[in-house]
Amino acid sequence: MRYLYTVLFYLALPFIFLRLLWRSRNMSAYRHNWGQRLGFCPYKLEKCIWVHAVSLGESIAATPLIQALQKKYPSIPIVVTNMTPTGAARIRSVFGESIFQCYVPYDIPHMIKRFLRSVNPMIAIIVETELWPNLLNVTHQQKIPIIVVNARLSEKSFRSYQWVATLTKEILQNIDVIAIQTQPELERFKALGLDPARALVTGNIKFDIEVSADLFLQSDALRRELGKQRLIWIAASTHAGEEEIILAAHKQICQRYPGTLLILVPRHPDRFPAVYHLTKQLGFQVARRSQFEECSASTQIYFGDTTGELMLLYAASDVAFVGGSFIPVGGHNVLEAAVLGKPIITGSYLFNFSEITQLLTAKQGMKQVNNESELVDELSHFFSNPSHRLQVGASARAFVEEHRGGLTRQVNAITKIIDNRCIMK
């Protein structure tokens, strides 16, 4: 079945590059580094630790892991591959030239082999569940140990993998170790054919997010700029179909609480122009962060059209709505807001983070709403009751503190492979 998949991928390549061109209309980075996507890596290394983090979310999750590996193995180069420009930009902004960053080759065997010959990885570390059949097969054939860290498998993804059960079982057999976030997800992996001897339940490294003192200093300065006394809520990682609901809710909130500011941060940078146009079309007074536009008392929306600043914008807010949850995207990471002690609101589509969001809701650190009306009511409740707002935020932060430790367990699993199977070769 993998051979049929490979043929189909070959046939799809022209359309994949056409899609990159289309997306580059709003984000020029999609036009760059196409050679890397074909396996032409710009680096020639004798050995390295290879970390693959597909996009922005995985890059954020991988950051403390990479930092721990740099500390543990200062003399071994680290190559980080991404699929999206936002993921690549995040890695470059955090690590600069202390690591080697490039795009991962498309899932075609000879392109993957070309990449592996160039960087000679001692180990392949795949962040979350980025299970490309040829990538894993070729890497395994080259006798490079593979560990999947922070692995997750939602019920929806589980059902999708069941449609290609034979291919999925082959994929899982190529992996040496899978560090899985929760026990229910382990059971789903086992049902797909994973050998339990290769699995560890380690928790989620996203709980181990650290907040620097500098972030709080920067957020205090930003809060003064936006308005120290005004109410501020953020709608983060939003998608098409959500902004309309959020903006309609904000209109009602502004009527109930004049002067309230919404920080709006779409998930994908290539959508920034379209979402900004929508806000203006609906008659809002908008200040764009990327253009350093003044946020005055009459400004209704502060448009977060930058990358790598979400934590800062969360920290400057009173209440956080996390997107991807009003539509069937499956939600996004709520822990970034939780660790900052922000009360969290989401929609009801949370299948990508079902275990975390169920636990956080049970701990009363998060509220779920189904529509615009419920969003307005929940925001109003938080804005009218500062003590309740602080209490829910404190519960969210306590939830994060309670579940820390996944990073240490996963780093230990990686170092065991490197020390026992790579360095001693």
Protein backbone atom coordinates (compact mmCIF):
# COMPACT_ATOMS: atom_id res chain seq x y z
CA MET A 1 0.00 0.00 0.00
CA ARG A 2 2.92 2.34 0.67
CA TYR A 3 4.00 2.01 -2.95
CA LEU A 4 0.60 3.18 -4.18
CA TYR A 5 0.80 6.04 -1.70
CA THR A 6 4.24 7.00 -3.09
CA VAL A 7 3.00 7.02 -6.70
CA LEU A 8 0.07 9.21 -5.73
CA PHE A 9 2.41 11.58 -3.90
CA TYR A 10 4.61 11.89 -7.00
CA LEU A 11 1.55 12.73 -9.10
CA ALA A 12 0.42 15.31 -6.56
CA LEU A 13 3.75 17.21 -6.46
CA PRO A 14 2.90 19.77 -9.19
CA PHE A 15 -0.33 20.62 -7.38
CA ILE A 16 1.51 20.86 -4.05
CA PHE A 17 3.88 23.46 -5.50
CA LEU A 18 0.98 25.32 -7.09
CA ARG A 19 -0.60 25.47 -3.64
CA LEU A 20 2.64 26.90 -2.22
CA LEU A 21 2.52 29.58 -4.91
CA TRP A 22 -1.09 30.34 -4.07
CA ARG A 23 -0.34 30.67 -0.36
CA SER A 24 2.66 32.89 -1.12
CA ARG A 25 0.30 35.65 -2.25
CA ASN A 26 -0.11 36.63 1.40
CA MET A 27 3.07 35.11 2.82
CA SER A 28 6.15 35.30 0.61
CA ALA A 29 8.03 32.68 2.65
CA TYR A 30 6.05 29.98 0.84
CA ARG A 31 8.00 30.85 -2.34
CA HIS A 32 11.38 30.24 -0.76
CA ASN A 33 13.57 27.18 -0.11
CA TRP A 34 11.76 24.82 -2.47
CA GLY A 35 15.00 22.89 -2.93
CA GLN A 36 14.93 21.94 0.75
CA ARG A 37 11.45 20.49 0.26
CA LEU A 38 13.00 18.24 -2.41
CA GLY A 39 15.70 17.02 -0.02
CA PHE A 40 18.50 19.45 -0.93
CA CYS A 41 19.56 20.36 2.58
CA PRO A 42 22.02 23.30 2.78
CA TYR A 43 24.08 21.60 5.51
CA LYS A 44 26.71 18.86 5.37
CA LEU A 45 27.16 17.29 8.79
CA GLU A 46 29.05 14.25 10.02
CA LYS A 47 26.38 13.61 12.65
CA CYS A 48 23.49 15.41 14.30
CA ILE A 49 20.42 15.10 16.47
CA TRP A 50 17.44 15.59 14.15
CA VAL A 51 14.22 17.07 15.51
CA HIS A 52 11.16 17.41 13.26
CA ALA A 53 8.46 19.88 14.33
CA VAL A 54 5.97 20.32 11.52
CA SER A 55 4.42 23.71 12.31
CA LEU A 56 4.15 26.52 14.84
CA GLY A 57 2.43 24.52 17.60
CA GLU A 58 4.93 21.69 17.42
CA SER A 59 7.84 24.17 17.30
CA ILE A 60 6.61 25.82 20.50
CA ALA A 61 6.24 22.41 22.16
CA ALA A 62 9.70 21.34 20.96
CA THR A 63 11.50 24.46 22.24
CA PRO A 64 12.19 23.31 25.83
CA LEU A 65 13.06 19.84 24.53
CA ILE A 66 15.66 21.26 22.12
CA GLN A 67 17.06 23.50 24.85
CA ALA A 68 17.45 20.48 27.13
CA LEU A 69 19.24 18.53 24.38
CA GLN A 70 21.59 21.45 23.71
CA LYS A 71 22.52 21.47 27.38
CA LYS A 72 22.95 17.69 27.52
CA TYR A 73 24.91 17.37 24.24
CA PRO A 74 26.64 20.70 23.59
CA SER A 75 29.07 19.24 21.05
CA ILE A 76 26.45 17.53 18.85
CA PRO A 77 24.78 19.70 16.17
CA ILE A 78 20.98 19.80 16.21
CA VAL A 79 19.02 19.97 12.96
CA VAL A 80 15.41 21.10 13.24
CA THR A 81 13.10 20.58 10.27
CA ASN A 82 9.71 22.19 9.73
CA MET A 83 6.97 22.04 7.14
CA THR A 84 5.55 25.55 7.49
CA PRO A 85 7.15 29.03 7.44
CA THR A 86 5.59 29.86 10.81
CA GLY A 87 7.23 26.86 12.43
CA ALA A 88 10.56 27.69 10.77
CA ALA A 89 10.35 31.34 11.86
CA ARG A 90 9.66 30.32 15.44
CA ILE A 91 12.69 28.03 15.58
CA ARG A 92 14.98 30.63 14.02
CA SER A 93 13.74 33.39 16.33
CA VAL A 94 14.36 31.31 19.47
CA PHE A 95 17.60 29.53 18.55
CA GLY A 96 19.25 31.70 15.92
CA GLU A 97 22.43 30.06 14.64
CA SER A 98 22.79 27.70 17.60
CA ILE A 99 20.89 25.05 15.61
CA PHE A 100 20.56 24.17 11.91
CA GLN A 101 17.04 24.79 10.57
CA CYS A 102 15.60 23.74 7.21
CA TYR A 103 12.40 22.39 5.66
CA VAL A 104 11.68 18.68 5.79
CA PRO A 105 11.69 16.92 2.39
CA TYR A 106 8.40 15.80 0.93
CA ASP A 107 7.48 12.19 1.63
CA ILE A 108 9.21 10.63 -1.38
CA PRO A 109 11.97 8.06 -0.72
CA HIS A 110 14.84 9.44 -2.81
CA MET A 111 14.26 12.96 -1.46
CA ILE A 112 14.38 11.68 2.10
CA LYS A 113 17.54 9.67 1.40
CA ARG A 114 19.19 12.79 -0.06
CA PHE A 115 18.38 14.71 3.12
CA LEU A 116 19.63 11.94 5.42
CA ARG A 117 22.92 11.65 3.50
CA SER A 118 23.44 15.36 4.03
CA VAL A 119 22.89 15.56 7.80
CA ASN A 120 23.62 11.99 9.00
CA PRO A 121 21.32 11.95 12.03
CA MET A 122 22.14 9.81 15.04
CA ILE A 123 18.49 9.86 16.04
CA ALA A 124 15.21 11.13 14.58
CA ILE A 125 12.91 12.87 17.06
CA ILE A 126 9.41 13.44 15.68
CA VAL A 127 7.31 15.92 17.66
CA GLU A 128 3.70 14.87 18.22
CA THR A 129 2.07 12.63 15.59
CA GLU A 130 3.68 13.55 12.29
CA LEU A 131 3.72 10.01 10.87
CA TRP A 132 4.77 10.17 7.22
CA PRO A 133 5.04 6.60 5.83
CA ASN A 134 8.15 7.02 3.66
CA LEU A 135 9.93 9.35 6.07
CA LEU A 136 9.70 6.74 8.80
CA ASN A 137 10.35 3.77 6.52
CA VAL A 138 13.49 5.21 4.91
CA THR A 139 14.83 6.48 8.24
CA HIS A 140 14.27 3.05 9.79
CA GLN A 141 15.97 1.32 6.84
CA GLN A 142 19.00 3.57 7.39
CA LYS A 143 19.15 2.14 10.94
CA ILE A 144 18.49 5.54 12.48
CA PRO A 145 16.49 5.12 15.70
CA ILE A 146 13.17 6.97 15.71
CA ILE A 147 11.36 8.34 18.74
CA VAL A 148 8.02 10.12 18.56
CA VAL A 149 7.70 12.53 21.48
CA ASN A 150 4.61 14.17 22.93
CA ALA A 151 2.55 11.83 20.77
CA ARG A 152 -1.20 12.34 20.73
CA LEU A 153 -4.00 10.53 18.96
CA SER A 154 -7.50 11.94 19.17
CA GLU A 155 -10.57 9.80 18.67
CA LYS A 156 -11.13 11.47 15.30
CA SER A 157 -7.54 10.79 14.15
CA PHE A 158 -7.81 7.23 15.42
CA ARG A 159 -10.85 6.62 13.21
CA SER A 160 -9.01 8.13 10.22
CA TYR A 161 -6.01 5.84 10.72
CA GLN A 162 -8.33 2.83 10.89
CA TRP A 163 -9.26 3.44 7.24
CA VAL A 164 -5.64 2.64 6.30
CA ALA A 165 -4.99 0.07 9.02
CA THR A 166 -2.37 -1.91 7.06
CA LEU A 167 -0.30 1.16 6.27
CA THR A 168 -0.69 2.48 9.82
CA LYS A 169 0.59 -0.78 11.33
CA GLU A 170 3.63 -0.66 9.02
CA ILE A 171 4.29 2.94 10.08
CA LEU A 172 4.16 2.06 13.78
CA GLN A 173 6.53 -0.89 13.31
CA ASN A 174 9.21 1.54 12.05
CA ILE A 175 9.21 3.52 15.30
CA ASP A 176 11.53 2.53 18.15
CA VAL A 177 9.83 4.46 20.95
CA ILE A 178 6.62 6.47 21.22
CA ALA A 179 6.30 8.80 24.21
CA ILE A 180 2.54 9.23 24.49
CA GLN A 181 0.73 11.97 26.38
CA THR A 182 -2.08 9.98 28.06
CA GLN A 183 -3.26 6.44 28.78
CA PRO A 184 -6.39 6.70 26.55
CA GLU A 185 -4.16 7.69 23.63
CA LEU A 186 -1.90 4.71 24.34
CA GLU A 187 -4.93 2.43 24.08
CA ARG A 188 -5.78 3.92 20.68
CA PHE A 189 -2.22 3.40 19.44
CA LYS A 190 -2.31 -0.21 20.64
CA ALA A 191 -5.59 -0.76 18.78
CA LEU A 192 -3.81 0.40 15.60
CA GLY A 193 -1.08 -2.20 16.07
CA LEU A 194 1.54 -0.53 18.26
CA ASP A 195 3.69 -2.93 20.27
CA PRO A 196 3.18 -1.82 23.93
CA ALA A 197 6.85 -2.57 24.60
CA ARG A 198 7.73 0.44 22.45
CA ALA A 199 5.39 2.83 24.24
CA LEU A 200 5.77 5.14 27.23
CA VAL A 201 3.07 7.28 28.81
CA THR A 202 5.02 10.40 29.76
CA GLY A 203 2.54 13.25 29.93
CA ASN A 204 2.55 16.37 27.78
CA ILE A 205 5.70 18.49 27.49
CA LYS A 206 3.50 21.52 26.89
CA PHE A 207 2.83 21.54 30.65
CA ASP A 208 6.52 22.30 31.18
CA ILE A 209 6.32 25.67 29.48
CA GLU A 210 8.41 28.27 31.29
CA VAL A 211 7.55 31.95 31.56
CA SER A 212 10.45 34.39 31.77
CA ALA A 213 10.51 37.46 33.98
CA ASP A 214 11.11 39.48 30.81
CA LEU A 215 7.71 38.41 29.49
CA PHE A 216 5.95 39.95 32.47
CA LEU A 217 7.95 43.16 32.14
CA GLN A 218 7.05 43.35 28.44
CA SER A 219 3.39 42.56 29.08
CA ASP A 220 3.16 45.27 31.75
CA ALA A 221 4.54 47.77 29.26
CA LEU A 222 2.14 46.57 26.57
CA ARG A 223 -0.79 46.73 28.97
CA ARG A 224 0.01 50.36 29.77
CA GLU A 225 0.13 51.05 26.03
CA LEU A 226 -3.24 49.36 25.42
CA GLY A 227 -4.96 50.84 28.46
CA LYS A 228 -4.23 49.79 32.02
CA GLN A 229 -7.79 50.30 33.27
CA ARG A 230 -9.79 48.99 30.32
CA LEU A 231 -11.09 45.44 29.99
CA ILE A 232 -9.13 43.38 27.46
CA TRP A 233 -9.89 39.96 26.04
CA ILE A 234 -7.98 38.01 23.44
CA ALA A 235 -9.25 35.69 20.72
CA ALA A 236 -6.21 33.64 19.75
CA SER A 237 -5.50 31.12 16.98
CA THR A 238 -8.77 31.86 15.22
CA HIS A 239 -9.85 30.35 11.90
CA ALA A 240 -12.14 31.30 9.04
CA GLY A 241 -15.71 31.05 10.26
CA GLU A 242 -14.73 31.96 13.83
CA GLU A 243 -13.79 35.61 13.39
CA GLU A 244 -17.34 36.47 12.36
CA ILE A 245 -18.70 34.96 15.61
CA ILE A 246 -16.03 36.65 17.70
CA LEU A 247 -16.51 40.07 16.11
CA ALA A 248 -20.28 39.87 16.52
CA ALA A 249 -19.77 38.99 20.19
CA HIS A 250 -17.34 41.86 20.61
CA LYS A 251 -19.91 44.33 19.30
CA GLN A 252 -22.30 43.23 22.02
CA ILE A 253 -19.57 43.35 24.66
CA CYS A 254 -18.66 46.91 23.65
CA GLN A 255 -22.29 47.89 24.17
CA ARG A 256 -22.35 46.35 27.65
CA TYR A 257 -18.82 47.42 28.63
CA PRO A 258 -17.79 50.51 26.63
CA GLY A 259 -14.07 50.75 26.03
CA THR A 260 -13.45 47.01 26.02
CA LEU A 261 -10.57 46.01 23.74
CA LEU A 262 -10.31 42.77 21.75
CA ILE A 263 -6.86 41.45 20.81
CA LEU A 264 -7.49 39.38 17.68
CA VAL A 265 -4.81 36.89 16.57
CA PRO A 266 -5.64 34.65 13.58
CA ARG A 267 -3.93 31.25 13.55
CA HIS A 268 -2.35 31.52 10.10
CA PRO A 269 -0.31 34.58 9.04
CA ASP A 270 -1.37 34.25 5.41
CA ARG A 271 -4.91 35.12 6.57
CA PHE A 272 -3.89 38.37 8.28
CA PRO A 273 -4.87 40.62 5.34
CA ALA A 274 -8.30 39.01 4.90
CA VAL A 275 -9.13 39.16 8.62
CA TYR A 276 -7.97 42.77 8.90
CA HIS A 277 -10.19 43.64 5.93
CA LEU A 278 -13.11 41.93 7.68
CA THR A 279 -12.64 43.99 10.85
CA LYS A 280 -12.61 47.23 8.86
CA GLN A 281 -15.58 46.12 6.75
CA LEU A 282 -17.58 45.63 9.96
CA GLY A 283 -16.77 49.16 11.08
CA PHE A 284 -14.33 48.53 13.92
CA GLN A 285 -11.56 50.92 14.91
CA VAL A 286 -8.45 48.74 14.51
CA ALA A 287 -4.78 49.17 15.42
CA ARG A 288 -2.32 46.77 13.78
CA ARG A 289 0.60 45.64 15.91
CA SER A 290 2.78 44.96 12.87
CA GLN A 291 2.44 48.60 11.79
CA PHE A 292 3.01 50.04 15.29
CA GLU A 293 -0.35 51.80 15.04
CA GLU A 294 -1.44 53.66 18.16
CA CYS A 295 -4.02 51.94 20.34
CA SER A 296 -6.12 54.86 21.58
CA ALA A 297 -9.14 54.92 23.87
CA SER A 298 -11.39 54.66 20.80
CA THR A 299 -9.59 51.59 19.41
CA GLN A 300 -11.85 48.54 19.61
CA ILE A 301 -9.53 45.87 18.18
CA TYR A 302 -5.81 45.43 18.57
CA PHE A 303 -4.84 43.23 15.65
CA GLY A 304 -2.04 40.78 16.52
CA ASP A 305 -0.69 40.35 13.00
CA THR A 306 2.78 39.24 14.10
CA THR A 307 4.27 35.84 14.84
CA GLY A 308 6.00 34.56 17.96
CA GLU A 309 4.23 36.98 20.32
CA LEU A 310 1.16 35.06 21.41
CA MET A 311 2.37 34.56 24.99
CA LEU A 312 2.99 38.29 25.31
CA LEU A 313 -0.50 39.08 24.02
CA TYR A 314 -2.05 36.51 26.36
CA ALA A 315 -0.19 38.05 29.28
CA ALA A 316 -1.59 41.51 28.47
CA SER A 317 -5.19 40.23 28.48
CA ASP A 318 -7.81 39.65 31.18
CA VAL A 319 -9.63 36.73 29.52
CA ALA A 320 -8.51 34.34 26.76
CA PHE A 321 -10.61 32.71 24.06
CA VAL A 322 -8.68 29.92 22.30
CA GLY A 323 -9.79 29.32 18.72
CA GLY A 324 -10.08 26.36 16.43
CA SER A 325 -12.96 25.40 18.70
CA PHE A 326 -16.03 27.07 17.19
CA ILE A 327 -15.52 25.04 14.01
CA PRO A 328 -14.43 21.38 13.55
CA VAL A 329 -10.68 22.09 13.68
CA GLY A 330 -10.37 20.42 17.08
CA GLY A 331 -9.04 23.24 19.21
CA HIS A 332 -5.57 24.55 19.98
CA ASN A 333 -3.19 24.61 22.94
CA VAL A 334 -4.91 26.12 25.98
CA LEU A 335 -1.89 25.69 28.25
CA GLU A 336 -0.13 28.85 27.07
CA ALA A 337 -2.98 30.91 28.51
CA ALA A 338 -3.37 28.65 31.53
CA VAL A 339 0.26 28.95 32.67
CA LEU A 340 -0.22 32.73 32.72
CA GLY A 341 -3.22 32.39 35.01
CA LYS A 342 -5.79 33.53 32.46
CA PRO A 343 -9.39 32.32 32.59
CA ILE A 344 -10.01 30.44 29.36
CA ILE A 345 -13.04 30.20 27.10
CA THR A 346 -13.30 27.84 24.13
CA GLY A 347 -15.90 26.52 21.76
CA SER A 348 -17.05 22.92 21.88
CA TYR A 349 -14.89 21.40 19.08
CA LEU A 350 -11.96 20.19 21.19
CA PHE A 351 -11.24 16.68 19.91
CA ASN A 352 -7.51 17.35 19.42
CA PHE A 353 -7.13 18.20 23.10
CA SER A 354 -10.04 16.31 24.62
CA GLU A 355 -8.23 14.90 27.66
CA ILE A 356 -6.57 18.18 28.63
CA THR A 357 -9.68 20.30 28.13
CA GLN A 358 -11.90 17.85 30.03
CA LEU A 359 -9.50 17.90 32.99
CA LEU A 360 -9.06 21.67 32.87
CA THR A 361 -12.83 22.19 32.72
CA ALA A 362 -13.30 19.84 35.67
CA LYS A 363 -10.70 21.88 37.60
CA GLN A 364 -12.79 24.98 36.81
CA GLY A 365 -9.98 26.66 34.90
CA MET A 366 -11.88 26.78 31.60
CA LYS A 367 -15.36 27.40 30.27
CA GLN A 368 -16.86 25.97 27.06
CA VAL A 369 -19.46 27.81 25.00
CA ASN A 370 -21.40 26.80 21.92
CA ASN A 371 -22.24 30.05 20.15
CA GLU A 372 -22.00 33.83 20.08
CA SER A 373 -24.67 34.35 22.73
CA GLU A 374 -22.97 32.04 25.22
CA LEU A 375 -19.61 33.67 24.51
CA VAL A 376 -21.07 37.09 25.31
CA ASP A 377 -22.62 35.79 28.52
CA GLU A 378 -19.41 34.13 29.70
CA LEU A 379 -17.31 37.20 28.93
CA SER A 380 -19.83 39.37 30.74
CA HIS A 381 -19.68 37.10 33.76
CA PHE A 382 -15.89 37.39 33.89
CA PHE A 383 -15.91 41.15 33.32
CA SER A 384 -18.55 41.75 35.99
CA ASN A 385 -16.84 39.56 38.61
CA PRO A 386 -13.10 40.31 38.88
CA SER A 387 -12.69 37.94 41.83
CA HIS A 388 -14.25 35.08 39.84
CA ARG A 389 -11.99 35.92 36.91
CA LEU A 390 -8.92 35.71 39.13
CA GLN A 391 -10.11 32.49 40.74
CA VAL A 392 -10.66 30.71 37.40
CA GLY A 393 -7.27 31.94 36.18
CA ALA A 394 -5.60 30.67 39.34
CA SER A 395 -7.24 27.27 38.85
CA ALA A 396 -5.91 27.15 35.29
CA ARG A 397 -2.37 27.89 36.44
CA ALA A 398 -2.59 25.34 39.27
CA PHE A 399 -3.68 22.73 36.73
CA VAL A 400 -0.51 23.33 34.70
CA GLU A 401 1.73 23.13 37.77
CA GLU A 402 0.08 19.88 38.82
CA HIS A 403 0.92 18.14 35.53
CA ARG A 404 4.52 19.20 34.97
CA GLY A 405 7.24 16.57 34.47
CA GLY A 406 6.59 15.28 30.95
CA LEU A 407 9.63 17.10 29.58
CA THR A 408 12.05 15.35 31.96
CA ARG A 409 10.56 11.93 31.21
CA GLN A 410 10.78 12.46 27.45
CA VAL A 411 14.31 13.88 27.54
CA ASN A 412 15.34 10.81 29.56
CA ALA A 413 13.86 8.53 26.90
CA ILE A 414 15.79 10.37 24.18
CA THR A 415 19.10 10.38 26.03
CA LYS A 416 18.79 6.67 26.70
CA ILE A 417 18.56 6.04 22.94
CA ILE A 418 21.44 8.39 22.12
CA ASP A 419 23.72 7.07 24.86
CA ASN A 420 22.94 3.37 24.39
CA ARG A 421 22.41 3.11 20.64
CA CYS A 422 24.21 5.96 18.93
CA ILE A 423 27.27 7.20 20.78
CA MET A 424 28.45 3.62 21.47
CA LYS A 425 28.28 2.63 17.79
